[in-house]
């Protein structure tokens, strides 16, 4: 677990810029780029990081009880076969293999094709935030179930791409589950 940020307090001070922050709670803002850090700020930040680190290690141990967590909780990164050999993953598969397995299990896999928005004058007349219009278009394109999922994500301020399983920025299509 790492936390780092630039601290520009001294520079702002030399330039005569005072950065003011109003908070409620003693530890609302500890280390920030805009104030001179104190020993107490560093101590609290270290305590917070240690708590996050402990929660992470405990979670990994619960999910993989036979894993020697101290031997892998070093900050190192293991890929592919190294991760498999250390029991950090159960198996290695391509995204295509996973999608095909899900399809064989009866799961629905949707294909969404992105098309640049029309820049015509008519397009500017349509209400951009019209849920009814988006819902109708999505139902025609994807069917009721996918349309409802897409609408729910968009009304909650979520980008449907945040739910993607596989994205290829060079491809015409994106698959999501």
N, C-alpha and C. Protein backbone atom coordinates (compact mmCIF):
# COMPACT_ATOMS: atom_id res chain seq x y z
N UNK A 1 0.86 -1.17 0.00
CA UNK A 1 0.00 0.00 0.00
C UNK A 1 0.90 1.23 0.00
N UNK A 2 0.65 2.11 -0.93
CA UNK A 2 1.48 3.30 -1.09
C UNK A 2 0.58 4.53 -1.14
N UNK A 3 1.03 5.59 -0.54
CA UNK A 3 0.36 6.88 -0.67
C UNK A 3 1.45 7.91 -0.92
N UNK A 4 1.34 8.60 -2.01
CA UNK A 4 2.32 9.65 -2.29
C UNK A 4 1.66 10.81 -3.00
N UNK A 5 2.20 11.97 -2.78
CA UNK A 5 1.69 13.17 -3.42
C UNK A 5 2.76 14.25 -3.34
N UNK A 6 2.75 15.16 -4.27
CA UNK A 6 3.70 16.26 -4.16
C UNK A 6 3.25 17.21 -3.05
N UNK A 7 4.19 17.89 -2.43
CA UNK A 7 3.84 18.89 -1.45
C UNK A 7 4.40 20.22 -1.93
N UNK A 8 3.51 21.14 -2.22
CA UNK A 8 3.92 22.44 -2.77
C UNK A 8 3.77 23.56 -1.74
N UNK A 9 3.69 23.19 -0.47
CA UNK A 9 3.48 24.19 0.57
C UNK A 9 4.57 25.26 0.55
N UNK A 10 5.84 24.84 0.53
CA UNK A 10 6.94 25.80 0.57
C UNK A 10 6.90 26.73 -0.64
N UNK A 11 6.61 26.18 -1.81
CA UNK A 11 6.55 27.00 -3.03
C UNK A 11 5.42 28.01 -2.92
N UNK A 12 4.25 27.56 -2.49
CA UNK A 12 3.12 28.48 -2.34
C UNK A 12 3.45 29.57 -1.32
N UNK A 13 4.11 29.18 -0.25
CA UNK A 13 4.50 30.12 0.79
C UNK A 13 5.43 31.19 0.22
N UNK A 14 6.42 30.78 -0.58
CA UNK A 14 7.35 31.74 -1.21
C UNK A 14 6.61 32.68 -2.16
N UNK A 15 5.57 32.18 -2.80
CA UNK A 15 4.81 32.99 -3.76
C UNK A 15 3.74 33.84 -3.07
N UNK A 16 3.60 33.68 -1.77
CA UNK A 16 2.61 34.45 -1.03
C UNK A 16 1.19 33.91 -1.16
N UNK A 17 1.08 32.63 -1.52
CA UNK A 17 -0.24 32.02 -1.68
C UNK A 17 -0.55 31.20 -0.43
N UNK A 18 -1.66 31.53 0.20
CA UNK A 18 -2.11 30.78 1.36
C UNK A 18 -3.30 29.94 0.94
N UNK A 19 -3.21 28.65 1.15
CA UNK A 19 -4.28 27.73 0.77
C UNK A 19 -5.08 27.42 2.02
N UNK A 20 -6.36 27.74 2.02
CA UNK A 20 -7.21 27.56 3.19
C UNK A 20 -8.13 26.38 3.00
N UNK A 21 -8.26 25.57 4.03
CA UNK A 21 -9.16 24.42 4.01
C UNK A 21 -9.99 24.44 5.28
N UNK A 22 -11.29 24.27 5.14
CA UNK A 22 -12.18 24.20 6.29
C UNK A 22 -12.67 22.76 6.39
N UNK A 23 -12.51 22.15 7.56
CA UNK A 23 -12.93 20.76 7.74
C UNK A 23 -13.66 20.60 9.06
N UNK A 24 -14.33 19.49 9.19
CA UNK A 24 -14.91 19.08 10.46
C UNK A 24 -14.30 17.73 10.79
N UNK A 25 -13.67 17.61 11.90
CA UNK A 25 -13.01 16.37 12.28
C UNK A 25 -11.50 16.56 12.28
N UNK A 26 -10.87 16.06 13.33
CA UNK A 26 -9.43 16.28 13.53
C UNK A 26 -8.59 15.73 12.38
N UNK A 27 -8.95 14.57 11.86
CA UNK A 27 -8.11 13.93 10.85
C UNK A 27 -8.75 13.95 9.46
N UNK A 28 -9.58 14.95 9.21
CA UNK A 28 -10.23 15.03 7.90
C UNK A 28 -9.21 15.21 6.79
N UNK A 29 -8.19 16.01 7.02
CA UNK A 29 -7.13 16.24 6.03
C UNK A 29 -5.79 16.15 6.75
N UNK A 30 -5.06 15.11 6.49
CA UNK A 30 -3.75 14.98 7.13
C UNK A 30 -2.68 15.47 6.16
N UNK A 31 -2.19 14.59 5.31
CA UNK A 31 -1.19 15.01 4.33
C UNK A 31 -1.90 15.56 3.10
N UNK A 32 -1.60 16.79 2.77
CA UNK A 32 -2.15 17.41 1.57
C UNK A 32 -1.01 18.12 0.84
N UNK A 33 -1.19 18.41 -0.43
CA UNK A 33 -0.14 19.13 -1.15
C UNK A 33 0.00 20.59 -0.71
N UNK A 34 -0.95 21.10 0.07
CA UNK A 34 -1.02 22.53 0.28
C UNK A 34 -0.72 23.01 1.69
N UNK A 35 -0.35 22.12 2.59
CA UNK A 35 0.00 22.57 3.93
C UNK A 35 1.28 21.90 4.37
N UNK A 36 1.93 22.51 5.32
CA UNK A 36 3.17 21.95 5.84
C UNK A 36 2.82 20.71 6.68
N UNK A 37 3.37 19.55 6.30
CA UNK A 37 3.01 18.34 7.05
C UNK A 37 3.66 18.33 8.44
N UNK A 38 2.92 17.81 9.39
CA UNK A 38 3.43 17.68 10.76
C UNK A 38 3.77 16.22 11.03
N UNK A 39 4.49 15.98 12.11
CA UNK A 39 4.78 14.60 12.51
C UNK A 39 3.49 13.84 12.77
N UNK A 40 2.50 14.52 13.35
CA UNK A 40 1.20 13.89 13.62
C UNK A 40 0.51 13.49 12.30
N UNK A 41 0.63 14.34 11.27
CA UNK A 41 0.05 14.02 9.96
C UNK A 41 0.67 12.74 9.41
N UNK A 42 2.00 12.67 9.46
CA UNK A 42 2.70 11.48 8.95
C UNK A 42 2.30 10.24 9.75
N UNK A 43 2.24 10.38 11.06
CA UNK A 43 1.90 9.24 11.92
C UNK A 43 0.49 8.72 11.59
N UNK A 44 -0.47 9.63 11.46
CA UNK A 44 -1.85 9.23 11.16
C UNK A 44 -1.93 8.58 9.78
N UNK A 45 -1.24 9.13 8.80
CA UNK A 45 -1.26 8.55 7.45
C UNK A 45 -0.64 7.16 7.46
N UNK A 46 0.45 6.98 8.18
CA UNK A 46 1.07 5.66 8.28
C UNK A 46 0.14 4.67 8.96
N UNK A 47 -0.56 5.11 10.01
CA UNK A 47 -1.52 4.23 10.69
C UNK A 47 -2.64 3.82 9.73
N UNK A 48 -3.14 4.78 8.96
CA UNK A 48 -4.21 4.48 8.00
C UNK A 48 -3.73 3.48 6.95
N UNK A 49 -2.53 3.68 6.42
CA UNK A 49 -1.99 2.76 5.42
C UNK A 49 -1.79 1.37 6.00
N UNK A 50 -1.30 1.31 7.22
CA UNK A 50 -1.10 0.01 7.87
C UNK A 50 -2.43 -0.71 8.07
N UNK A 51 -3.47 0.04 8.43
CA UNK A 51 -4.80 -0.56 8.60
C UNK A 51 -5.32 -1.11 7.27
N UNK A 52 -5.13 -0.37 6.19
CA UNK A 52 -5.55 -0.84 4.86
C UNK A 52 -4.76 -2.09 4.48
N UNK A 53 -3.47 -2.08 4.73
CA UNK A 53 -2.59 -3.21 4.41
C UNK A 53 -3.03 -4.46 5.18
N UNK A 54 -3.36 -4.29 6.46
CA UNK A 54 -3.81 -5.41 7.28
C UNK A 54 -5.15 -5.95 6.77
N UNK A 55 -6.08 -5.07 6.45
CA UNK A 55 -7.37 -5.51 5.90
C UNK A 55 -7.17 -6.30 4.61
N UNK A 56 -6.29 -5.83 3.75
CA UNK A 56 -6.02 -6.52 2.49
C UNK A 56 -5.44 -7.91 2.75
N UNK A 57 -4.44 -7.99 3.60
CA UNK A 57 -3.81 -9.29 3.88
C UNK A 57 -4.81 -10.25 4.51
N UNK A 58 -5.64 -9.75 5.43
CA UNK A 58 -6.66 -10.60 6.05
C UNK A 58 -7.67 -11.10 5.03
N UNK A 59 -8.05 -10.24 4.10
CA UNK A 59 -8.99 -10.64 3.05
C UNK A 59 -8.38 -11.72 2.17
N UNK A 60 -7.14 -11.53 1.77
CA UNK A 60 -6.46 -12.54 0.94
C UNK A 60 -6.39 -13.86 1.70
N UNK A 61 -6.05 -13.81 2.99
CA UNK A 61 -5.94 -15.04 3.79
C UNK A 61 -7.29 -15.75 3.89
N UNK A 62 -8.38 -14.99 4.03
CA UNK A 62 -9.72 -15.59 4.09
C UNK A 62 -10.08 -16.26 2.77
N UNK A 63 -9.71 -15.65 1.67
CA UNK A 63 -10.05 -16.19 0.36
C UNK A 63 -9.16 -17.37 -0.03
N UNK A 64 -7.94 -17.38 0.46
CA UNK A 64 -6.97 -18.43 0.13
C UNK A 64 -6.30 -18.90 1.42
N UNK A 65 -7.02 -19.70 2.23
CA UNK A 65 -6.53 -20.09 3.55
C UNK A 65 -5.19 -20.83 3.55
N UNK A 66 -4.88 -21.53 2.47
CA UNK A 66 -3.63 -22.31 2.44
C UNK A 66 -2.45 -21.48 1.95
N UNK A 67 -2.67 -20.24 1.64
CA UNK A 67 -1.62 -19.37 1.11
C UNK A 67 -0.78 -18.81 2.25
N UNK A 68 0.52 -18.81 2.07
CA UNK A 68 1.43 -18.20 3.03
C UNK A 68 1.49 -16.70 2.72
N UNK A 69 0.54 -15.95 3.26
CA UNK A 69 0.40 -14.53 2.92
C UNK A 69 1.66 -13.73 3.22
N UNK A 70 2.32 -13.91 4.36
CA UNK A 70 3.54 -13.11 4.59
C UNK A 70 4.60 -13.28 3.49
N UNK A 71 4.65 -14.45 2.87
CA UNK A 71 5.67 -14.65 1.83
C UNK A 71 5.33 -13.94 0.52
N UNK A 72 4.07 -13.61 0.32
CA UNK A 72 3.70 -12.93 -0.93
C UNK A 72 3.29 -11.47 -0.69
N UNK A 73 3.06 -11.09 0.54
CA UNK A 73 2.63 -9.72 0.85
C UNK A 73 3.86 -8.82 0.97
N UNK A 74 4.56 -8.71 -0.14
CA UNK A 74 5.83 -7.98 -0.15
C UNK A 74 5.80 -6.73 -1.01
N UNK A 75 4.71 -6.53 -1.73
CA UNK A 75 4.64 -5.41 -2.66
C UNK A 75 5.07 -5.79 -4.06
N UNK A 76 5.52 -7.03 -4.24
CA UNK A 76 5.92 -7.49 -5.56
C UNK A 76 4.69 -7.82 -6.40
N UNK A 77 4.90 -7.93 -7.70
CA UNK A 77 3.83 -8.29 -8.63
C UNK A 77 4.21 -9.56 -9.35
N UNK A 78 3.27 -10.51 -9.42
CA UNK A 78 3.51 -11.76 -10.14
C UNK A 78 2.48 -11.90 -11.24
N UNK A 79 2.94 -12.26 -12.42
CA UNK A 79 2.08 -12.41 -13.58
C UNK A 79 2.03 -13.86 -14.02
N UNK A 80 0.94 -14.22 -14.67
CA UNK A 80 0.82 -15.51 -15.34
C UNK A 80 1.25 -16.70 -14.52
N UNK A 81 2.21 -17.44 -15.05
CA UNK A 81 2.66 -18.69 -14.42
C UNK A 81 3.21 -18.46 -13.02
N UNK A 82 3.89 -17.34 -12.80
CA UNK A 82 4.40 -17.05 -11.45
C UNK A 82 3.25 -16.93 -10.46
N UNK A 83 2.18 -16.27 -10.84
CA UNK A 83 1.01 -16.14 -9.96
C UNK A 83 0.36 -17.50 -9.74
N UNK A 84 0.28 -18.31 -10.77
CA UNK A 84 -0.30 -19.65 -10.66
C UNK A 84 0.53 -20.52 -9.73
N UNK A 85 1.84 -20.48 -9.88
CA UNK A 85 2.74 -21.28 -9.03
C UNK A 85 2.65 -20.87 -7.56
N UNK A 86 2.35 -19.61 -7.29
CA UNK A 86 2.25 -19.13 -5.91
C UNK A 86 0.83 -19.25 -5.36
N UNK A 87 -0.07 -19.89 -6.13
CA UNK A 87 -1.46 -20.08 -5.71
C UNK A 87 -2.21 -18.76 -5.55
N UNK A 88 -1.81 -17.76 -6.32
CA UNK A 88 -2.50 -16.47 -6.28
C UNK A 88 -3.71 -16.46 -7.22
N UNK A 89 -3.72 -17.36 -8.19
CA UNK A 89 -4.84 -17.54 -9.11
C UNK A 89 -5.12 -19.02 -9.23
N UNK A 90 -6.33 -19.37 -9.61
CA UNK A 90 -6.70 -20.78 -9.75
C UNK A 90 -6.33 -21.34 -11.11
N UNK A 91 -6.41 -20.51 -12.13
CA UNK A 91 -6.08 -20.96 -13.48
C UNK A 91 -5.84 -19.74 -14.36
N UNK A 92 -5.24 -19.99 -15.51
CA UNK A 92 -4.98 -18.93 -16.48
C UNK A 92 -5.85 -19.15 -17.71
N UNK A 93 -6.53 -18.10 -18.14
CA UNK A 93 -7.41 -18.19 -19.31
C UNK A 93 -7.37 -16.86 -20.04
N UNK A 94 -7.71 -16.93 -21.31
CA UNK A 94 -7.90 -15.69 -22.06
C UNK A 94 -9.31 -15.18 -21.81
N UNK A 95 -9.53 -13.93 -22.10
CA UNK A 95 -10.87 -13.36 -21.96
C UNK A 95 -11.85 -14.07 -22.89
N UNK A 96 -11.38 -14.45 -24.07
CA UNK A 96 -12.25 -15.19 -25.00
C UNK A 96 -12.70 -16.51 -24.39
N UNK A 97 -11.78 -17.23 -23.74
CA UNK A 97 -12.14 -18.50 -23.11
C UNK A 97 -13.20 -18.30 -22.04
N UNK A 98 -13.05 -17.26 -21.23
CA UNK A 98 -14.02 -16.99 -20.17
C UNK A 98 -15.39 -16.65 -20.78
N UNK A 99 -15.40 -15.82 -21.80
CA UNK A 99 -16.67 -15.46 -22.44
C UNK A 99 -17.35 -16.68 -23.04
N UNK A 100 -16.59 -17.54 -23.69
CA UNK A 100 -17.17 -18.75 -24.27
C UNK A 100 -17.73 -19.67 -23.19
N UNK A 101 -17.01 -19.81 -22.07
CA UNK A 101 -17.52 -20.62 -20.96
C UNK A 101 -18.82 -20.04 -20.42
N UNK A 102 -18.86 -18.73 -20.24
CA UNK A 102 -20.08 -18.10 -19.72
C UNK A 102 -21.25 -18.32 -20.68
N UNK A 103 -20.97 -18.21 -21.98
CA UNK A 103 -22.02 -18.46 -22.97
C UNK A 103 -22.51 -19.89 -22.86
N UNK A 104 -21.57 -20.85 -22.73
CA UNK A 104 -21.95 -22.26 -22.61
C UNK A 104 -22.74 -22.54 -21.34
N UNK A 105 -22.57 -21.70 -20.32
CA UNK A 105 -23.32 -21.84 -19.07
C UNK A 105 -24.68 -21.16 -19.15
N UNK A 106 -25.00 -20.61 -20.31
CA UNK A 106 -26.30 -19.97 -20.49
C UNK A 106 -26.33 -18.50 -20.12
N UNK A 107 -25.18 -17.92 -19.84
CA UNK A 107 -25.14 -16.49 -19.50
C UNK A 107 -25.32 -15.66 -20.76
N UNK A 108 -25.90 -14.49 -20.59
CA UNK A 108 -26.08 -13.59 -21.72
C UNK A 108 -24.85 -12.72 -21.85
N UNK A 109 -24.34 -12.63 -23.05
CA UNK A 109 -23.19 -11.78 -23.34
C UNK A 109 -23.63 -10.80 -24.41
N UNK A 110 -23.46 -9.53 -24.13
CA UNK A 110 -23.93 -8.49 -25.03
C UNK A 110 -22.77 -7.91 -25.81
N UNK A 111 -23.07 -7.49 -27.00
CA UNK A 111 -22.11 -6.78 -27.83
C UNK A 111 -22.62 -5.36 -27.99
N UNK A 112 -21.79 -4.41 -27.66
CA UNK A 112 -22.16 -3.01 -27.80
C UNK A 112 -21.20 -2.40 -28.80
N UNK A 113 -21.74 -1.80 -29.82
CA UNK A 113 -20.91 -1.16 -30.83
C UNK A 113 -21.04 0.34 -30.68
N UNK A 114 -19.92 1.01 -30.56
CA UNK A 114 -19.91 2.45 -30.40
C UNK A 114 -19.96 3.13 -31.76
N UNK A 115 -20.84 4.10 -31.87
CA UNK A 115 -20.93 4.90 -33.08
C UNK A 115 -20.81 6.36 -32.67
N UNK A 116 -19.97 7.09 -33.36
CA UNK A 116 -19.82 8.52 -33.06
C UNK A 116 -21.18 9.20 -33.15
N UNK A 117 -21.49 10.10 -32.21
CA UNK A 117 -22.76 10.82 -32.26
C UNK A 117 -22.88 11.66 -33.53
N UNK A 118 -24.10 11.78 -34.01
CA UNK A 118 -24.37 12.59 -35.19
C UNK A 118 -24.19 14.06 -34.83
N UNK A 119 -23.43 14.77 -35.61
CA UNK A 119 -23.17 16.18 -35.35
C UNK A 119 -24.11 17.08 -36.16
N UNK A 120 -25.18 16.51 -36.68
CA UNK A 120 -26.10 17.30 -37.50
C UNK A 120 -26.89 18.28 -36.64
N UNK A 121 -27.44 19.32 -37.24
CA UNK A 121 -28.26 20.27 -36.47
C UNK A 121 -29.46 19.60 -35.82
N UNK A 122 -30.01 18.56 -36.45
CA UNK A 122 -31.15 17.85 -35.88
C UNK A 122 -30.76 17.20 -34.55
N UNK A 123 -29.55 16.67 -34.47
CA UNK A 123 -29.10 16.01 -33.24
C UNK A 123 -29.07 16.98 -32.07
N UNK A 124 -28.77 18.25 -32.34
CA UNK A 124 -28.72 19.23 -31.25
C UNK A 124 -30.10 19.56 -30.71
N UNK A 125 -31.16 19.25 -31.47
CA UNK A 125 -32.52 19.50 -31.02
C UNK A 125 -33.04 18.42 -30.08
N UNK A 126 -32.44 17.22 -30.14
CA UNK A 126 -32.91 16.13 -29.29
C UNK A 126 -32.40 16.34 -27.87
N UNK A 127 -33.24 16.07 -26.88
CA UNK A 127 -32.81 16.25 -25.50
C UNK A 127 -31.77 15.20 -25.11
N UNK A 128 -30.57 15.68 -24.76
CA UNK A 128 -29.47 14.76 -24.45
C UNK A 128 -29.79 13.91 -23.22
N UNK A 129 -30.54 14.45 -22.28
CA UNK A 129 -30.81 13.72 -21.06
C UNK A 129 -32.13 12.99 -21.05
N UNK A 130 -32.74 12.78 -22.20
CA UNK A 130 -34.05 12.16 -22.27
C UNK A 130 -33.97 10.67 -21.99
N UNK A 131 -34.37 10.26 -20.79
CA UNK A 131 -34.35 8.85 -20.42
C UNK A 131 -35.28 8.03 -21.31
N UNK A 132 -36.45 8.58 -21.62
CA UNK A 132 -37.43 7.83 -22.42
C UNK A 132 -36.87 7.55 -23.81
N UNK A 133 -36.22 8.53 -24.40
CA UNK A 133 -35.64 8.35 -25.73
C UNK A 133 -34.51 7.33 -25.68
N UNK A 134 -33.64 7.45 -24.69
CA UNK A 134 -32.54 6.49 -24.55
C UNK A 134 -33.08 5.09 -24.31
N UNK A 135 -34.11 4.98 -23.47
CA UNK A 135 -34.70 3.68 -23.16
C UNK A 135 -35.27 3.03 -24.41
N UNK A 136 -36.00 3.81 -25.20
CA UNK A 136 -36.61 3.26 -26.42
C UNK A 136 -35.54 2.81 -27.41
N UNK A 137 -34.52 3.62 -27.58
CA UNK A 137 -33.44 3.26 -28.52
C UNK A 137 -32.71 2.01 -28.04
N UNK A 138 -32.44 1.94 -26.75
CA UNK A 138 -31.73 0.78 -26.21
C UNK A 138 -32.56 -0.49 -26.35
N UNK A 139 -33.88 -0.40 -26.16
CA UNK A 139 -34.74 -1.58 -26.30
C UNK A 139 -34.74 -2.08 -27.73
N UNK A 140 -34.78 -1.15 -28.68
CA UNK A 140 -34.75 -1.55 -30.09
C UNK A 140 -33.42 -2.22 -30.41
N UNK A 141 -32.33 -1.64 -29.91
CA UNK A 141 -31.00 -2.15 -30.25
C UNK A 141 -30.63 -3.42 -29.48
N UNK A 142 -30.95 -3.48 -28.19
CA UNK A 142 -30.42 -4.55 -27.34
C UNK A 142 -31.45 -5.47 -26.71
N UNK A 143 -32.72 -5.12 -26.73
CA UNK A 143 -33.73 -5.90 -26.04
C UNK A 143 -33.97 -5.32 -24.65
N UNK A 144 -35.07 -5.75 -24.02
CA UNK A 144 -35.49 -5.17 -22.74
C UNK A 144 -34.46 -5.32 -21.63
N UNK A 145 -33.91 -6.51 -21.45
CA UNK A 145 -33.03 -6.77 -20.30
C UNK A 145 -31.77 -5.90 -20.37
N UNK A 146 -31.12 -5.89 -21.51
CA UNK A 146 -29.91 -5.09 -21.66
C UNK A 146 -30.23 -3.60 -21.59
N UNK A 147 -31.36 -3.21 -22.18
CA UNK A 147 -31.74 -1.79 -22.17
C UNK A 147 -31.96 -1.31 -20.74
N UNK A 148 -32.63 -2.12 -19.94
CA UNK A 148 -32.87 -1.74 -18.54
C UNK A 148 -31.56 -1.62 -17.78
N UNK A 149 -30.62 -2.54 -18.02
CA UNK A 149 -29.32 -2.48 -17.35
C UNK A 149 -28.56 -1.23 -17.76
N UNK A 150 -28.56 -0.92 -19.05
CA UNK A 150 -27.86 0.27 -19.54
C UNK A 150 -28.49 1.54 -18.98
N UNK A 151 -29.82 1.59 -18.95
CA UNK A 151 -30.50 2.78 -18.42
C UNK A 151 -30.19 2.96 -16.94
N UNK A 152 -30.24 1.86 -16.19
CA UNK A 152 -29.96 1.95 -14.77
C UNK A 152 -28.55 2.49 -14.52
N UNK A 153 -27.58 1.99 -15.29
CA UNK A 153 -26.21 2.48 -15.13
C UNK A 153 -26.12 3.96 -15.47
N UNK A 154 -26.75 4.38 -16.56
CA UNK A 154 -26.62 5.77 -16.98
C UNK A 154 -27.33 6.72 -16.03
N UNK A 155 -28.48 6.31 -15.48
CA UNK A 155 -29.19 7.19 -14.55
C UNK A 155 -28.49 7.29 -13.21
N UNK A 156 -27.64 6.31 -12.90
CA UNK A 156 -26.85 6.37 -11.67
C UNK A 156 -25.51 7.05 -11.90
N UNK A 157 -25.35 7.61 -13.09
CA UNK A 157 -24.11 8.31 -13.39
C UNK A 157 -22.95 7.39 -13.71
N UNK A 158 -23.24 6.12 -13.97
CA UNK A 158 -22.18 5.17 -14.29
C UNK A 158 -22.01 5.08 -15.80
N UNK A 159 -20.79 4.92 -16.20
CA UNK A 159 -20.49 4.69 -17.61
C UNK A 159 -20.61 3.19 -17.85
N UNK A 160 -21.41 2.75 -18.82
CA UNK A 160 -21.51 1.30 -19.07
C UNK A 160 -20.16 0.64 -19.28
N UNK A 161 -19.19 1.39 -19.77
CA UNK A 161 -17.85 0.81 -19.96
C UNK A 161 -17.22 0.42 -18.63
N UNK A 162 -17.70 1.00 -17.51
CA UNK A 162 -17.14 0.63 -16.22
C UNK A 162 -17.52 -0.79 -15.83
N UNK A 163 -18.51 -1.37 -16.51
CA UNK A 163 -18.93 -2.74 -16.25
C UNK A 163 -18.37 -3.70 -17.28
N UNK A 164 -17.48 -3.24 -18.12
CA UNK A 164 -17.00 -4.11 -19.18
C UNK A 164 -16.12 -5.20 -18.65
N UNK A 165 -16.20 -6.31 -19.32
CA UNK A 165 -15.33 -7.43 -18.98
C UNK A 165 -14.10 -7.39 -19.86
N UNK A 166 -14.28 -6.98 -21.09
CA UNK A 166 -13.17 -6.97 -22.02
C UNK A 166 -13.30 -5.75 -22.92
N UNK A 167 -12.26 -4.98 -23.01
CA UNK A 167 -12.26 -3.82 -23.89
C UNK A 167 -11.02 -3.87 -24.77
N UNK A 168 -11.23 -3.68 -26.03
CA UNK A 168 -10.13 -3.53 -26.97
C UNK A 168 -10.34 -2.18 -27.63
N UNK A 169 -9.52 -1.21 -27.28
CA UNK A 169 -9.74 0.15 -27.77
C UNK A 169 -9.61 0.27 -29.28
N UNK A 170 -9.03 -0.72 -29.91
CA UNK A 170 -8.89 -0.68 -31.36
C UNK A 170 -10.04 -1.42 -32.05
N UNK A 171 -10.83 -2.14 -31.30
CA UNK A 171 -11.91 -2.94 -31.88
C UNK A 171 -13.17 -2.09 -32.05
N UNK A 172 -14.05 -2.56 -32.92
CA UNK A 172 -15.32 -1.87 -33.13
C UNK A 172 -16.34 -2.24 -32.06
N UNK A 173 -16.11 -3.36 -31.37
CA UNK A 173 -17.11 -3.85 -30.43
C UNK A 173 -16.50 -4.04 -29.05
N UNK A 174 -17.35 -3.89 -28.04
CA UNK A 174 -16.97 -4.11 -26.66
C UNK A 174 -17.94 -5.12 -26.08
N UNK A 175 -17.43 -6.09 -25.36
CA UNK A 175 -18.26 -7.10 -24.72
C UNK A 175 -18.37 -6.76 -23.24
N UNK A 176 -19.56 -6.87 -22.68
CA UNK A 176 -19.69 -6.68 -21.25
C UNK A 176 -20.71 -7.64 -20.69
N UNK A 177 -20.58 -7.90 -19.37
CA UNK A 177 -21.47 -8.84 -18.70
C UNK A 177 -22.09 -8.14 -17.52
